[in-house]
Amino acid sequence: MSGKFNILVMGASYGSLLGIKMLMCGHNVKFVCLPEEADLINAEGIKVRLPVRGREGLVEIKSSEQPGKLSAGGPEKFDPADFDLVALAMQEPQYRATGVRELLDKVARSGKPCMSIMNMPPLPYLARIPGLDTSALAGCYTDAMVWENFDPALITLASPDPQAFRPPEEPANILQVALPTNFKVARFEGDEHTAMIRQIQSEIEAIRYNTGDGIVELPVKLKVHDSVFVPLAKWCMLLTGNYRCVGEDAARSIRDAVNTDLDKSRKVYEWVSTLCRKLGAEPADQVPFEKYTNAAQGLAKPSSAARALFAGAPNIERVDKLIQQIAAQHGMQWDVIDEIIARVDRRLDINRNAS
C-alpha cells in the first residue's frame, strides 16, 4: 500500500493536529464533527498554530494552502469503506453518542485499520497486551459495548503527547499547540497497515514549511514503534499531572499539579512506570521523569479532564481508573493512587446529581 490515502478523522478538535499533518503530506482528510463545526470547516478550512524552536510567536498552518483535500460532516455522511485509515480523535465518552456510535460500529465491521489518539486506549487495543484480562476492565469505559466488534489486529494506539487547545476567544476551526511533542504510535499487527503508517511517518519527517521569511522544520511528528507498550508511557504523565489537576473544589494547572510536591509526583510517576514494566514494557519504552517535569513547566492550564469536570461533565475518560484496575491484576495498590481516583469520582457524583 502506497500513494495518497483517504483518512477519516473522528473528532475535529484534537484531530486537527494530526489532520493538518496528513494534509501537508498530500493525503485527503475528512473530519467527523458537529454540524456547526462542519459548516465552518467546509467554508474556511482549519488553522493550526505551532511554536517552532528558535522563533518567536506561533507559526500558523492553513489547510487551504496544503496539497491534501479537507472536508467535514456529521457521522451519517461517511462510509468507512471509502477510507484507507480511520483516526479516533474524540474523547472516549463521545463514542456512545447517537450517530457516532453507529459510525464506530461500521468502522469496526469494515475491516479498516484504526489509529487512536485518545488518552483512553480502546479496549481492543488492550487485548494486544499479553496476559491482560480485558473483561475485567469494561467498567472503566463509559460504554464498553461500542468496542465489541473490533479486531485487535486492526487497531493501534498513538500516545497523544502533544498538548493543544482551541483558544476560547477564537472560532472553532482554530487549534493552538501548547506542547509540540510527538505522537508515538505502536505498529499494527500486520505488515501492510504498519507500512502505511511508516510511510506517513517518513512524509511528515520530510515536511519543510515556508513561513514567508524562511524555511522551517515543524514540530509534532509521528513516530512508529514496534512495541505495543510505547504509547502507554503517557499513563505516567496522566496520573502524575492530568488527574492530579482535580482538586476538591477547583482545578489547578498541570504545572502546579506536578511541581507543588515534586517528591510525591516522582513517586506517582515511578509507581505507574513499575506497572507498565510488569505488563512487559522495557525502560526504553518509557519517558524519564525529568523529561516530563521539564515539559510540564510549560503547561499552565488544567488538563482537559479537569476542565471538563469543573464545567459539569457527567463523564470523562477514566484512564486513572483503568490504571488502578490493571494494577490490581498485578497485586499493586497504593493509597495515594486510590485518593486521586476518589477525587475524580466525587466530582463526577456532584455533576451527575446536578444533572
Protein backbone atom coordinates (compact mmCIF):
# COMPACT_ATOMS: atom_id res chain seq x y z
CA MET A 1 0.00 0.00 0.00
CA SER A 2 1.44 3.36 -1.02
CA GLY A 3 0.45 6.63 -2.64
CA LYS A 4 -2.03 9.10 -1.25
CA PHE A 5 -4.53 7.94 1.35
CA ASN A 6 -8.08 8.85 2.26
CA ILE A 7 -8.21 9.32 6.02
CA LEU A 8 -11.29 9.63 8.22
CA VAL A 9 -10.67 11.53 11.46
CA MET A 10 -13.39 11.14 14.09
CA GLY A 11 -13.10 14.40 16.04
CA ALA A 12 -12.10 17.79 14.62
CA SER A 13 -10.67 19.43 17.74
CA TYR A 14 -7.55 17.49 18.73
CA GLY A 15 -7.89 15.67 15.43
CA SER A 16 -6.93 18.86 13.61
CA LEU A 17 -3.33 18.47 14.78
CA LEU A 18 -2.99 15.05 13.15
CA GLY A 19 -5.20 16.12 10.25
CA ILE A 20 -3.10 19.14 9.25
CA LYS A 21 -0.01 16.93 9.07
CA MET A 22 -1.81 14.46 6.80
CA LEU A 23 -2.96 17.31 4.54
CA MET A 24 0.59 18.65 4.31
CA CYS A 25 1.66 15.22 3.07
CA GLY A 26 -0.96 15.35 0.32
CA HIS A 27 -3.45 12.91 1.85
CA ASN A 28 -7.18 13.63 1.82
CA VAL A 29 -8.82 14.11 5.22
CA LYS A 30 -12.45 14.11 6.26
CA PHE A 31 -13.49 15.12 9.78
CA VAL A 32 -16.47 13.72 11.66
CA CYS A 33 -17.75 16.53 13.86
CA LEU A 34 -20.73 18.61 14.97
CA PRO A 35 -22.82 20.34 12.27
CA GLU A 36 -21.69 23.87 13.18
CA GLU A 37 -18.05 22.73 13.16
CA ALA A 38 -18.50 21.02 9.80
CA ASP A 39 -20.07 24.12 8.24
CA LEU A 40 -17.19 26.30 9.45
CA ILE A 41 -14.50 23.83 8.32
CA ASN A 42 -16.10 23.37 4.89
CA ALA A 43 -16.30 27.14 4.45
CA GLU A 44 -12.93 28.20 5.86
CA GLY A 45 -10.80 25.09 6.47
CA ILE A 46 -8.73 24.72 9.66
CA LYS A 47 -5.78 26.64 11.10
CA VAL A 48 -3.22 25.09 13.44
CA ARG A 49 -0.77 27.31 15.33
CA LEU A 50 2.54 25.79 16.42
CA PRO A 51 5.54 27.04 18.35
CA VAL A 52 8.74 26.44 16.38
CA ARG A 53 12.12 26.21 18.09
CA GLY A 54 14.23 29.32 17.56
CA ARG A 55 11.32 31.53 16.51
CA GLU A 56 9.21 33.96 18.47
CA GLY A 57 5.44 33.62 18.36
CA LEU A 58 3.50 30.89 16.60
CA VAL A 59 3.58 29.60 13.03
CA GLU A 60 0.08 29.27 11.57
CA ILE A 61 -0.62 26.43 9.13
CA LYS A 62 -3.74 26.77 6.97
CA SER A 63 -5.42 23.72 5.48
CA SER A 64 -6.46 25.74 2.44
CA GLU A 65 -2.79 26.03 1.42
CA GLN A 66 -2.00 22.30 1.63
CA PRO A 67 -1.95 19.75 -1.22
CA GLY A 68 -4.41 17.41 0.51
CA LYS A 69 -8.15 17.99 0.37
CA LEU A 70 -10.22 18.60 3.52
CA SER A 71 -13.94 18.36 4.22
CA ALA A 72 -16.14 17.69 7.24
CA GLY A 73 -19.57 16.37 8.11
CA GLY A 74 -21.70 14.53 10.62
CA PRO A 75 -21.28 10.79 11.28
CA GLU A 76 -24.09 9.89 8.89
CA LYS A 77 -22.15 11.37 5.96
CA PHE A 78 -19.36 8.81 5.80
CA ASP A 79 -18.84 5.18 4.82
CA PRO A 80 -15.68 3.63 6.32
CA ALA A 81 -15.29 1.55 3.15
CA ASP A 82 -14.20 4.75 1.36
CA PHE A 83 -11.12 5.20 3.56
CA ASP A 84 -7.68 3.70 3.98
CA LEU A 85 -7.23 4.68 7.64
CA VAL A 86 -9.53 5.82 10.44
CA ALA A 87 -8.15 8.03 13.24
CA LEU A 88 -10.04 8.09 16.54
CA ALA A 89 -9.59 11.60 17.96
CA MET A 90 -12.69 12.11 20.12
CA GLN A 91 -12.68 11.65 23.87
CA GLU A 92 -13.88 8.20 24.90
CA PRO A 93 -17.34 9.16 26.27
CA GLN A 94 -18.28 10.70 22.90
CA TYR A 95 -18.24 7.37 21.09
CA ARG A 96 -21.55 6.32 22.63
CA ALA A 97 -23.36 9.38 21.22
CA THR A 98 -26.14 8.68 18.72
CA GLY A 99 -24.72 8.66 15.23
CA VAL A 100 -21.12 8.41 16.39
CA ARG A 101 -21.82 5.03 17.96
CA GLU A 102 -23.28 3.70 14.72
CA LEU A 103 -20.39 5.00 12.63
CA LEU A 104 -17.85 3.48 15.03
CA ASP A 105 -19.55 0.11 14.67
CA LYS A 106 -19.40 0.44 10.87
CA VAL A 107 -15.69 1.16 11.22
CA ALA A 108 -15.26 -1.97 13.34
CA ARG A 109 -17.12 -4.13 10.80
CA SER A 110 -15.37 -2.60 7.78
CA GLY A 111 -12.01 -4.19 8.48
CA LYS A 112 -10.26 -0.85 8.04
CA PRO A 113 -7.22 -0.11 10.22
CA CYS A 114 -7.78 2.36 13.06
CA MET A 115 -5.26 4.54 14.87
CA SER A 116 -6.45 6.01 18.16
CA ILE A 117 -5.06 9.27 19.54
CA MET A 118 -7.33 9.11 22.59
CA ASN A 119 -5.88 9.24 26.10
CA MET A 120 -8.13 6.29 26.92
CA PRO A 121 -6.84 3.29 24.96
CA PRO A 122 -9.62 1.50 23.07
CA LEU A 123 -10.47 -1.76 24.79
CA PRO A 124 -9.46 -3.94 21.79
CA TYR A 125 -6.01 -2.32 21.81
CA LEU A 126 -5.51 -3.51 25.38
CA ALA A 127 -6.27 -7.02 24.11
CA ARG A 128 -2.91 -6.83 22.29
CA ILE A 129 -1.11 -6.77 25.66
CA PRO A 130 -0.22 -10.36 26.65
CA GLY A 131 -1.79 -11.67 29.84
CA LEU A 132 -4.12 -8.74 30.46
CA ASP A 133 -7.70 -9.64 31.44
CA THR A 134 -9.63 -7.05 29.44
CA SER A 135 -13.00 -8.46 30.52
CA ALA A 136 -12.37 -7.00 33.99
CA LEU A 137 -11.79 -3.51 32.57
CA ALA A 138 -15.13 -2.84 30.88
CA GLY A 139 -16.38 -0.81 33.86
CA CYS A 140 -13.68 1.80 33.26
CA TYR A 141 -15.36 2.77 29.97
CA THR A 142 -18.41 4.94 29.54
CA ASP A 143 -19.85 2.22 27.30
CA ALA A 144 -17.52 -0.70 26.60
CA MET A 145 -20.02 -2.24 24.19
CA VAL A 146 -19.06 0.21 21.43
CA TRP A 147 -15.72 -1.64 21.07
CA GLU A 148 -17.03 -5.19 20.93
CA ASN A 149 -16.83 -5.69 17.13
CA PHE A 150 -13.24 -4.51 16.67
CA ASP A 151 -10.46 -6.87 15.68
CA PRO A 152 -7.46 -6.07 17.94
CA ALA A 153 -5.13 -6.71 14.99
CA LEU A 154 -6.67 -3.73 13.18
CA ILE A 155 -6.39 -1.15 15.94
CA THR A 156 -3.38 0.69 17.25
CA LEU A 157 -2.70 3.50 19.68
CA ALA A 158 -0.69 6.70 19.34
CA SER A 159 0.34 8.31 22.60
CA PRO A 160 -1.32 11.76 22.50
CA ASP A 161 1.69 13.55 23.98
CA PRO A 162 1.26 16.87 22.13
CA GLN A 163 -0.82 19.33 24.14
CA ALA A 164 -3.24 21.53 22.19
CA PHE A 165 -6.38 23.55 22.79
CA ARG A 166 -8.95 25.63 20.99
CA PRO A 167 -8.47 29.28 22.06
CA PRO A 168 -11.80 30.18 23.70
CA GLU A 169 -11.95 33.60 22.04
CA GLU A 170 -11.37 32.17 18.54
CA PRO A 171 -13.60 30.29 16.05
CA ALA A 172 -13.85 26.50 16.46
CA ASN A 173 -11.69 25.78 13.39
CA ILE A 174 -8.51 27.05 15.11
CA LEU A 175 -6.25 24.85 17.22
CA GLN A 176 -3.25 26.11 19.18
CA VAL A 177 -0.42 23.79 20.24
CA ALA A 178 0.99 24.36 23.72
CA LEU A 179 3.45 21.44 23.88
CA PRO A 180 4.74 20.35 20.44
CA THR A 181 5.88 16.82 21.22
CA ASN A 182 5.40 13.72 19.02
CA PHE A 183 2.68 11.15 18.52
CA LYS A 184 4.32 7.79 19.38
CA VAL A 185 2.35 5.02 17.73
CA ALA A 186 2.65 1.25 18.04
CA ARG A 187 2.79 -0.76 14.84
CA PHE A 188 -0.23 -2.72 13.68
CA GLU A 189 -0.02 -6.49 13.97
CA GLY A 190 0.06 -6.77 10.16
CA ASP A 191 2.89 -5.53 7.95
CA GLU A 192 0.68 -3.93 5.30
CA HIS A 193 -1.04 -1.49 7.65
CA THR A 194 2.20 -0.85 9.51
CA ALA A 195 3.83 0.08 6.19
CA MET A 196 1.12 2.70 5.66
CA ILE A 197 1.79 4.50 8.95
CA ARG A 198 5.55 4.19 8.40
CA GLN A 199 5.08 5.91 5.03
CA ILE A 200 3.13 8.71 6.74
CA GLN A 201 5.88 8.96 9.37
CA SER A 202 8.51 9.45 6.64
CA GLU A 203 6.39 12.02 4.82
CA ILE A 204 5.83 14.07 7.98
CA GLU A 205 9.56 13.92 8.74
CA ALA A 206 10.28 15.39 5.31
CA ILE A 207 7.94 18.40 5.63
CA ARG A 208 9.61 21.81 5.42
CA TYR A 209 7.39 24.87 5.69
CA ASN A 210 7.88 28.30 4.19
CA THR A 211 6.82 30.87 6.78
CA GLY A 212 7.33 33.75 4.39
CA ASP A 213 10.64 34.71 5.95
CA GLY A 214 12.37 31.35 5.89
CA ILE A 215 12.05 27.57 5.62
CA VAL A 216 11.48 25.76 8.92
CA GLU A 217 11.11 22.19 10.16
CA LEU A 218 7.84 21.85 12.01
CA PRO A 219 7.44 20.01 15.31
CA VAL A 220 4.91 17.25 16.11
CA LYS A 221 5.95 14.13 14.22
CA LEU A 222 4.51 10.63 14.01
CA LYS A 223 6.95 8.04 15.38
CA VAL A 224 6.16 4.37 14.71
CA HIS A 225 7.43 1.80 17.25
CA ASP A 226 7.42 -1.99 17.28
CA SER A 227 6.48 -2.18 20.96
CA VAL A 228 2.80 -2.11 21.98
CA PHE A 229 3.94 -0.55 25.28
CA VAL A 230 5.39 2.71 23.91
CA PRO A 231 2.02 4.55 23.85
CA LEU A 232 1.45 3.55 27.50
CA ALA A 233 4.25 5.92 28.52
CA LYS A 234 1.52 8.58 28.59
CA TRP A 235 -0.10 6.80 31.56
CA CYS A 236 2.63 8.02 33.92
CA MET A 237 2.02 11.59 32.78
CA LEU A 238 -1.75 11.37 33.03
CA LEU A 239 -1.78 10.11 36.60
CA THR A 240 1.06 12.37 37.78
CA GLY A 241 -0.27 15.53 36.13
CA ASN A 242 -3.63 15.45 34.36
CA TYR A 243 -5.75 13.73 37.01
CA ARG A 244 -3.98 15.46 39.89
CA CYS A 245 -5.26 18.75 38.46
CA VAL A 246 -8.59 17.76 40.03
CA GLY A 247 -9.00 19.27 43.48
CA GLU A 248 -11.99 19.03 45.77
CA ASP A 249 -13.36 22.43 44.78
CA ALA A 250 -11.34 23.65 41.80
CA ALA A 251 -8.93 22.66 39.06
CA ARG A 252 -5.26 23.61 39.00
CA SER A 253 -2.75 23.65 36.16
CA ILE A 254 -0.73 20.61 35.16
CA ARG A 255 2.38 22.60 36.04
CA ASP A 256 1.14 23.15 39.61
CA ALA A 257 -0.12 19.58 39.97
CA VAL A 258 3.34 18.26 39.13
CA ASN A 259 5.55 20.83 40.87
CA THR A 260 3.69 21.61 44.11
CA ASP A 261 5.05 18.38 45.64
CA LEU A 262 7.74 17.16 43.29
CA ASP A 263 8.71 14.22 45.52
CA LYS A 264 5.17 12.85 45.54
CA SER A 265 4.93 13.44 41.79
CA ARG A 266 8.06 11.38 41.26
CA LYS A 267 6.65 8.54 43.37
CA VAL A 268 3.35 8.53 41.45
CA TYR A 269 5.22 8.58 38.14
CA GLU A 270 7.50 5.72 39.17
CA TRP A 271 4.58 3.68 40.53
CA VAL A 272 2.86 3.79 37.13
CA SER A 273 6.20 3.12 35.39
CA THR A 274 6.59 0.00 37.52
CA LEU A 275 3.12 -1.17 36.50
CA CYS A 276 3.95 -0.71 32.81
CA ARG A 277 7.11 -2.77 33.25
CA LYS A 278 5.10 -5.51 34.94
CA LEU A 279 2.92 -5.56 31.83
CA GLY A 280 6.01 -6.04 29.69
CA ALA A 281 7.34 -2.56 28.87
CA GLU A 282 11.07 -2.02 28.60
CA PRO A 283 12.75 1.06 30.13
CA ALA A 284 13.35 2.33 26.57
CA ASP A 285 9.56 2.37 26.04
CA GLN A 286 9.13 4.94 28.80
CA VAL A 287 9.85 8.64 29.29
CA PRO A 288 12.19 9.70 32.13
CA PHE A 289 10.52 11.64 34.94
CA GLU A 290 12.88 14.61 34.48
CA LYS A 291 11.93 14.97 30.82
CA TYR A 292 8.26 15.02 31.78
CA THR A 293 8.71 17.61 34.54
CA ASN A 294 10.61 19.87 32.16
CA ALA A 295 7.73 19.67 29.68
CA ALA A 296 5.14 20.24 32.42
CA GLN A 297 6.70 23.61 33.22
CA GLY A 298 5.01 24.98 30.11
CA LEU A 299 1.55 23.53 30.86
CA ALA A 300 -0.13 26.47 32.56
CA LYS A 301 -3.71 25.25 32.05
CA PRO A 302 -5.62 22.48 33.82
CA SER A 303 -5.93 19.22 31.91
CA SER A 304 -8.89 18.71 29.60
CA ALA A 305 -10.28 16.15 32.07
CA ALA A 306 -10.15 18.66 34.95
CA ARG A 307 -11.66 21.43 32.82
CA ALA A 308 -14.49 19.14 31.78
CA LEU A 309 -15.18 18.03 35.35
CA PHE A 310 -15.47 21.60 36.65
CA ALA A 311 -17.63 22.53 33.67
CA GLY A 312 -20.15 19.90 34.84
CA ALA A 313 -19.33 16.90 32.61
CA PRO A 314 -21.08 13.70 33.78
CA ASN A 315 -18.47 11.51 32.06
CA ILE A 316 -14.77 11.85 31.25
CA GLU A 317 -12.02 9.48 30.11
CA ARG A 318 -11.10 7.34 33.11
CA VAL A 319 -7.50 6.36 32.42
CA ASP A 320 -6.96 6.84 36.16
CA LYS A 321 -9.43 4.09 36.98
CA LEU A 322 -8.10 1.91 34.17
CA ILE A 323 -4.59 2.09 35.65
CA GLN A 324 -5.96 1.26 39.10
CA GLN A 325 -7.83 -1.80 37.82
CA ILE A 326 -4.90 -3.09 35.75
CA ALA A 327 -2.61 -2.61 38.76
CA ALA A 328 -4.97 -4.72 40.87
CA GLN A 329 -4.48 -7.60 38.40
CA HIS A 330 -0.78 -7.42 39.26
CA GLY A 331 -1.20 -7.15 43.01
CA MET A 332 -0.39 -3.42 43.11
CA GLN A 333 -2.29 -0.93 45.29
CA TRP A 334 -1.32 2.41 46.81
CA ASP A 335 -3.50 4.75 48.87
CA VAL A 336 -2.15 7.81 47.03
CA ILE A 337 -3.41 6.42 43.71
CA ASP A 338 -6.76 5.48 45.24
CA GLU A 339 -7.26 9.03 46.52
CA ILE A 340 -6.58 10.57 43.09
CA ILE A 341 -9.32 8.36 41.68
CA ALA A 342 -11.65 9.03 44.60
CA ARG A 343 -11.43 12.80 43.99
CA VAL A 344 -12.46 12.30 40.37
CA ASP A 345 -15.29 10.00 41.48
CA ARG A 346 -16.58 12.61 43.95
CA ARG A 347 -16.61 15.37 41.33
CA LEU A 348 -18.42 13.10 38.85
CA ASP A 349 -21.02 12.30 41.51
CA ILE A 350 -21.59 16.03 42.04
CA ASN A 351 -22.00 16.60 38.31
CA ARG A 352 -24.34 13.64 37.82
CA ASN A 353 -26.52 14.63 40.78
CA ALA A 354 -26.74 18.18 39.44
CA SER A 355 -27.86 16.98 36.02
